């Protein structure tokens, strides 16, 4: 059977592998399929022995896969989960009540940590007034620090 590897065998294998990338995601199988298509094209114009075809296919597959990995390195997604400071920075709000020294109740335009009203603290210790516009500067657990605008 190995002696009868014809160019169209490689073309069919290439099409099946490239189409298989839809079923098996991960950008790996497609490179094996493209290598098979190249070997099929080479074998059409320059007929060669089956063992040479397999060597060329193996080398092309590995080379294309390594080139892909080198150029398009998969990176870990950058997320701000657990880092509320960056996610909620600069959300505007307004002071609606004074609670205790340097702590106030603020209502925000967008939900902060799932709610629009929170007890906040002045970032720099300066007093805030009811009705004053503020922006979120930091979130420490459930304590939100704001500064006046």
C-alpha atoms as a PDB file:
ATOM      1  CA  UNK A   1       0.000   0.000   0.000  1.00  0.00           C
ATOM      2  CA  UNK A   2       2.835   2.414   0.774  1.00  0.00           C
ATOM      3  CA  UNK A   3       4.108   2.067  -2.793  1.00  0.00           C
ATOM      4  CA  UNK A   4       0.796   3.301  -4.162  1.00  0.00           C
ATOM      5  CA  UNK A   5       0.637   6.743  -2.483  1.00  0.00           C
ATOM      6  CA  UNK A   6      -0.556   8.969  -5.293  1.00  0.00           C
ATOM      7  CA  UNK A   7      -0.784  12.734  -5.356  1.00  0.00           C
ATOM      8  CA  UNK A   8      -4.557  12.721  -4.961  1.00  0.00           C
ATOM      9  CA  UNK A   9      -4.277  10.632  -1.783  1.00  0.00           C
ATOM     10  CA  UNK A  10      -2.367  13.524  -0.243  1.00  0.00           C
ATOM     11  CA  UNK A  11      -4.890  16.080  -1.511  1.00  0.00           C
ATOM     12  CA  UNK A  12      -7.799  14.154   0.013  1.00  0.00           C
ATOM     13  CA  UNK A  13      -5.888  13.684   3.280  1.00  0.00           C
ATOM     14  CA  UNK A  14      -5.086  17.405   3.327  1.00  0.00           C
ATOM     15  CA  UNK A  15      -8.708  18.406   2.761  1.00  0.00           C
ATOM     16  CA  UNK A  16      -9.913  16.013   5.466  1.00  0.00           C
ATOM     17  CA  UNK A  17      -7.343  17.315   7.968  1.00  0.00           C
ATOM     18  CA  UNK A  18      -8.020  20.992   7.217  1.00  0.00           C
ATOM     19  CA  UNK A  19     -11.768  20.351   7.537  1.00  0.00           C
ATOM     20  CA  UNK A  20     -11.082  18.381  10.713  1.00  0.00           C
ATOM     21  CA  UNK A  21      -9.782  21.562  12.315  1.00  0.00           C
ATOM     22  CA  UNK A  22     -13.423  22.627  12.635  1.00  0.00           C
ATOM     23  CA  UNK A  23     -14.157  19.571  14.758  1.00  0.00           C
ATOM     24  CA  UNK A  24     -10.818  19.488  16.604  1.00  0.00           C
ATOM     25  CA  UNK A  25     -10.018  23.135  17.427  1.00  0.00           C
ATOM     26  CA  UNK A  26      -6.577  24.182  18.510  1.00  0.00           C
ATOM     27  CA  UNK A  27      -4.796  25.181  15.283  1.00  0.00           C
ATOM     28  CA  UNK A  28      -2.750  21.974  15.136  1.00  0.00           C
ATOM     29  CA  UNK A  29      -4.487  19.674  12.666  1.00  0.00           C
ATOM     30  CA  UNK A  30      -4.673  22.402  10.015  1.00  0.00           C
ATOM     31  CA  UNK A  31      -0.867  22.418   9.661  1.00  0.00           C
ATOM     32  CA  UNK A  32      -0.798  18.667   9.025  1.00  0.00           C
ATOM     33  CA  UNK A  33      -3.486  19.178   6.392  1.00  0.00           C
ATOM     34  CA  UNK A  34      -1.652  22.025   4.674  1.00  0.00           C
ATOM     35  CA  UNK A  35       1.528  19.961   4.645  1.00  0.00           C
ATOM     36  CA  UNK A  36      -0.408  17.095   3.020  1.00  0.00           C
ATOM     37  CA  UNK A  37      -1.721  19.477   0.351  1.00  0.00           C
ATOM     38  CA  UNK A  38       1.833  20.666  -0.374  1.00  0.00           C
ATOM     39  CA  UNK A  39       3.099  17.077  -0.624  1.00  0.00           C
ATOM     40  CA  UNK A  40       0.194  16.248  -2.962  1.00  0.00           C
ATOM     41  CA  UNK A  41       1.111  19.184  -5.188  1.00  0.00           C
ATOM     42  CA  UNK A  42       4.798  18.263  -5.189  1.00  0.00           C
ATOM     43  CA  UNK A  43       3.979  14.640  -5.951  1.00  0.00           C
ATOM     44  CA  UNK A  44       1.758  15.703  -8.856  1.00  0.00           C
ATOM     45  CA  UNK A  45       4.559  17.653 -10.541  1.00  0.00           C
ATOM     46  CA  UNK A  46       7.512  15.541  -9.324  1.00  0.00           C
ATOM     47  CA  UNK A  47       6.500  11.923  -8.632  1.00  0.00           C
ATOM     48  CA  UNK A  48       8.514  10.453  -5.747  1.00  0.00           C
ATOM     49  CA  UNK A  49       8.737   7.387  -3.545  1.00  0.00           C
ATOM     50  CA  UNK A  50       6.292   6.941  -0.687  1.00  0.00           C
ATOM     51  CA  UNK A  51       9.012   7.095   1.987  1.00  0.00           C
ATOM     52  CA  UNK A  52      10.241  10.453   0.657  1.00  0.00           C
ATOM     53  CA  UNK A  53       6.672  11.729   0.602  1.00  0.00           C
ATOM     54  CA  UNK A  54       6.255  10.766   4.256  1.00  0.00           C
ATOM     55  CA  UNK A  55       9.542  12.454   5.216  1.00  0.00           C
ATOM     56  CA  UNK A  56       8.545  15.648   3.421  1.00  0.00           C
ATOM     57  CA  UNK A  57       5.079  15.577   4.989  1.00  0.00           C
ATOM     58  CA  UNK A  58       6.524  15.025   8.480  1.00  0.00           C
ATOM     59  CA  UNK A  59       9.082  17.790   8.086  1.00  0.00           C
ATOM     60  CA  UNK A  60       6.594  20.280   6.654  1.00  0.00           C
ATOM     61  CA  UNK A  61       4.023  19.487   9.337  1.00  0.00           C
ATOM     62  CA  UNK A  62       6.514  19.967  12.132  1.00  0.00           C
ATOM     63  CA  UNK A  63       8.029  23.056  10.534  1.00  0.00           C
ATOM     64  CA  UNK A  64       4.664  24.751   9.981  1.00  0.00           C
ATOM     65  CA  UNK A  65       3.509  23.906  13.488  1.00  0.00           C
ATOM     66  CA  UNK A  66       6.696  25.266  15.069  1.00  0.00           C
ATOM     67  CA  UNK A  67       6.559  28.398  12.931  1.00  0.00           C
ATOM     68  CA  UNK A  68       2.946  28.961  13.939  1.00  0.00           C
ATOM     69  CA  UNK A  69       3.781  28.506  17.622  1.00  0.00           C
ATOM     70  CA  UNK A  70       6.751  30.870  17.335  1.00  0.00           C
ATOM     71  CA  UNK A  71       4.803  33.626  15.573  1.00  0.00           C
ATOM     72  CA  UNK A  72       1.514  33.305  17.422  1.00  0.00           C
ATOM     73  CA  UNK A  73       2.391  32.315  20.955  1.00  0.00           C
ATOM     74  CA  UNK A  74      -0.709  31.503  22.930  1.00  0.00           C
ATOM     75  CA  UNK A  75      -0.838  33.866  25.869  1.00  0.00           C
ATOM     76  CA  UNK A  76      -2.799  33.595  29.052  1.00  0.00           C
ATOM     77  CA  UNK A  77      -5.843  35.848  28.968  1.00  0.00           C
ATOM     78  CA  UNK A  78      -5.351  39.036  30.924  1.00  0.00           C
ATOM     79  CA  UNK A  79      -8.130  39.360  33.402  1.00  0.00           C
ATOM     80  CA  UNK A  80      -8.887  41.706  36.219  1.00  0.00           C
ATOM     81  CA  UNK A  81     -10.717  39.104  38.304  1.00  0.00           C
ATOM     82  CA  UNK A  82      -9.843  39.725  41.918  1.00  0.00           C
ATOM     83  CA  UNK A  83      -8.252  43.049  41.011  1.00  0.00           C
ATOM     84  CA  UNK A  84     -11.160  45.410  41.486  1.00  0.00           C
ATOM     85  CA  UNK A  85      -9.008  48.505  41.394  1.00  0.00           C
ATOM     86  CA  UNK A  86      -8.549  48.477  37.641  1.00  0.00           C
ATOM     87  CA  UNK A  87     -12.073  47.316  36.875  1.00  0.00           C
ATOM     88  CA  UNK A  88     -13.859  50.024  38.828  1.00  0.00           C
ATOM     89  CA  UNK A  89     -11.415  52.922  38.573  1.00  0.00           C
ATOM     90  CA  UNK A  90     -12.936  56.303  37.694  1.00  0.00           C
ATOM     91  CA  UNK A  91     -16.597  55.255  38.014  1.00  0.00           C
ATOM     92  CA  UNK A  92     -18.445  58.479  38.861  1.00  0.00           C
ATOM     93  CA  UNK A  93     -20.798  58.810  41.780  1.00  0.00           C
ATOM     94  CA  UNK A  94     -22.307  61.271  44.206  1.00  0.00           C
ATOM     95  CA  UNK A  95     -22.209  61.482  48.010  1.00  0.00           C
ATOM     96  CA  UNK A  96     -25.730  60.953  49.410  1.00  0.00           C
ATOM     97  CA  UNK A  97     -25.106  60.740  53.168  1.00  0.00           C
ATOM     98  CA  UNK A  98     -22.407  61.041  55.814  1.00  0.00           C
ATOM     99  CA  UNK A  99     -21.919  57.988  58.021  1.00  0.00           C
ATOM    100  CA  UNK A 100     -19.012  58.472  60.399  1.00  0.00           C
ATOM    101  CA  UNK A 101     -15.764  60.387  60.329  1.00  0.00           C
ATOM    102  CA  UNK A 102     -14.273  60.156  56.815  1.00  0.00           C
ATOM    103  CA  UNK A 103     -16.926  57.601  55.736  1.00  0.00           C
ATOM    104  CA  UNK A 104     -19.847  58.402  53.492  1.00  0.00           C
ATOM    105  CA  UNK A 105     -22.612  56.711  51.545  1.00  0.00           C
ATOM    106  CA  UNK A 106     -22.235  57.171  47.791  1.00  0.00           C
ATOM    107  CA  UNK A 107     -24.472  56.302  44.838  1.00  0.00           C
ATOM    108  CA  UNK A 108     -22.604  55.379  41.653  1.00  0.00           C
ATOM    109  CA  UNK A 109     -23.677  55.691  38.023  1.00  0.00           C
ATOM    110  CA  UNK A 110     -22.624  52.068  37.359  1.00  0.00           C
ATOM    111  CA  UNK A 111     -22.724  49.117  39.737  1.00  0.00           C
ATOM    112  CA  UNK A 112     -19.553  48.706  41.782  1.00  0.00           C
ATOM    113  CA  UNK A 113     -19.058  45.178  43.123  1.00  0.00           C
ATOM    114  CA  UNK A 114     -22.673  44.426  42.163  1.00  0.00           C
ATOM    115  CA  UNK A 115     -24.388  47.396  43.841  1.00  0.00           C
ATOM    116  CA  UNK A 116     -24.849  51.098  43.103  1.00  0.00           C
ATOM    117  CA  UNK A 117     -24.708  52.304  46.723  1.00  0.00           C
ATOM    118  CA  UNK A 118     -21.700  51.772  48.971  1.00  0.00           C
ATOM    119  CA  UNK A 119     -20.038  53.091  52.056  1.00  0.00           C
ATOM    120  CA  UNK A 120     -16.988  54.951  50.796  1.00  0.00           C
ATOM    121  CA  UNK A 121     -13.968  56.620  52.301  1.00  0.00           C
ATOM    122  CA  UNK A 122     -12.189  59.726  51.133  1.00  0.00           C
ATOM    123  CA  UNK A 123      -8.886  58.698  49.564  1.00  0.00           C
ATOM    124  CA  UNK A 124      -6.797  61.527  50.936  1.00  0.00           C
ATOM    125  CA  UNK A 125      -8.757  62.114  54.142  1.00  0.00           C
ATOM    126  CA  UNK A 126     -10.275  65.390  52.943  1.00  0.00           C
ATOM    127  CA  UNK A 127     -13.899  65.888  53.983  1.00  0.00           C
ATOM    128  CA  UNK A 128     -16.598  65.336  51.381  1.00  0.00           C
ATOM    129  CA  UNK A 129     -20.003  66.980  51.273  1.00  0.00           C
ATOM    130  CA  UNK A 130     -23.453  65.599  50.510  1.00  0.00           C
ATOM    131  CA  UNK A 131     -24.146  66.126  46.809  1.00  0.00           C
ATOM    132  CA  UNK A 132     -20.441  66.270  45.901  1.00  0.00           C
ATOM    133  CA  UNK A 133     -19.404  64.354  42.801  1.00  0.00           C
ATOM    134  CA  UNK A 134     -16.730  61.711  43.338  1.00  0.00           C
ATOM    135  CA  UNK A 135     -14.826  59.070  41.377  1.00  0.00           C
ATOM    136  CA  UNK A 136     -13.640  55.646  42.510  1.00  0.00           C
ATOM    137  CA  UNK A 137      -9.863  55.517  42.976  1.00  0.00           C
ATOM    138  CA  UNK A 138      -9.343  52.168  44.714  1.00  0.00           C
ATOM    139  CA  UNK A 139     -11.280  49.154  45.917  1.00  0.00           C
ATOM    140  CA  UNK A 140      -9.964  47.266  48.948  1.00  0.00           C
ATOM    141  CA  UNK A 141     -12.253  44.315  49.556  1.00  0.00           C
ATOM    142  CA  UNK A 142     -15.579  46.020  50.287  1.00  0.00           C
ATOM    143  CA  UNK A 143     -14.054  49.384  51.153  1.00  0.00           C
ATOM    144  CA  UNK A 144     -14.195  51.812  48.247  1.00  0.00           C
ATOM    145  CA  UNK A 145     -11.936  54.846  48.236  1.00  0.00           C
ATOM    146  CA  UNK A 146     -13.074  57.893  46.310  1.00  0.00           C
ATOM    147  CA  UNK A 147     -11.824  61.362  45.526  1.00  0.00           C
ATOM    148  CA  UNK A 148     -13.796  64.512  44.912  1.00  0.00           C
ATOM    149  CA  UNK A 149     -14.183  65.756  41.374  1.00  0.00           C
END
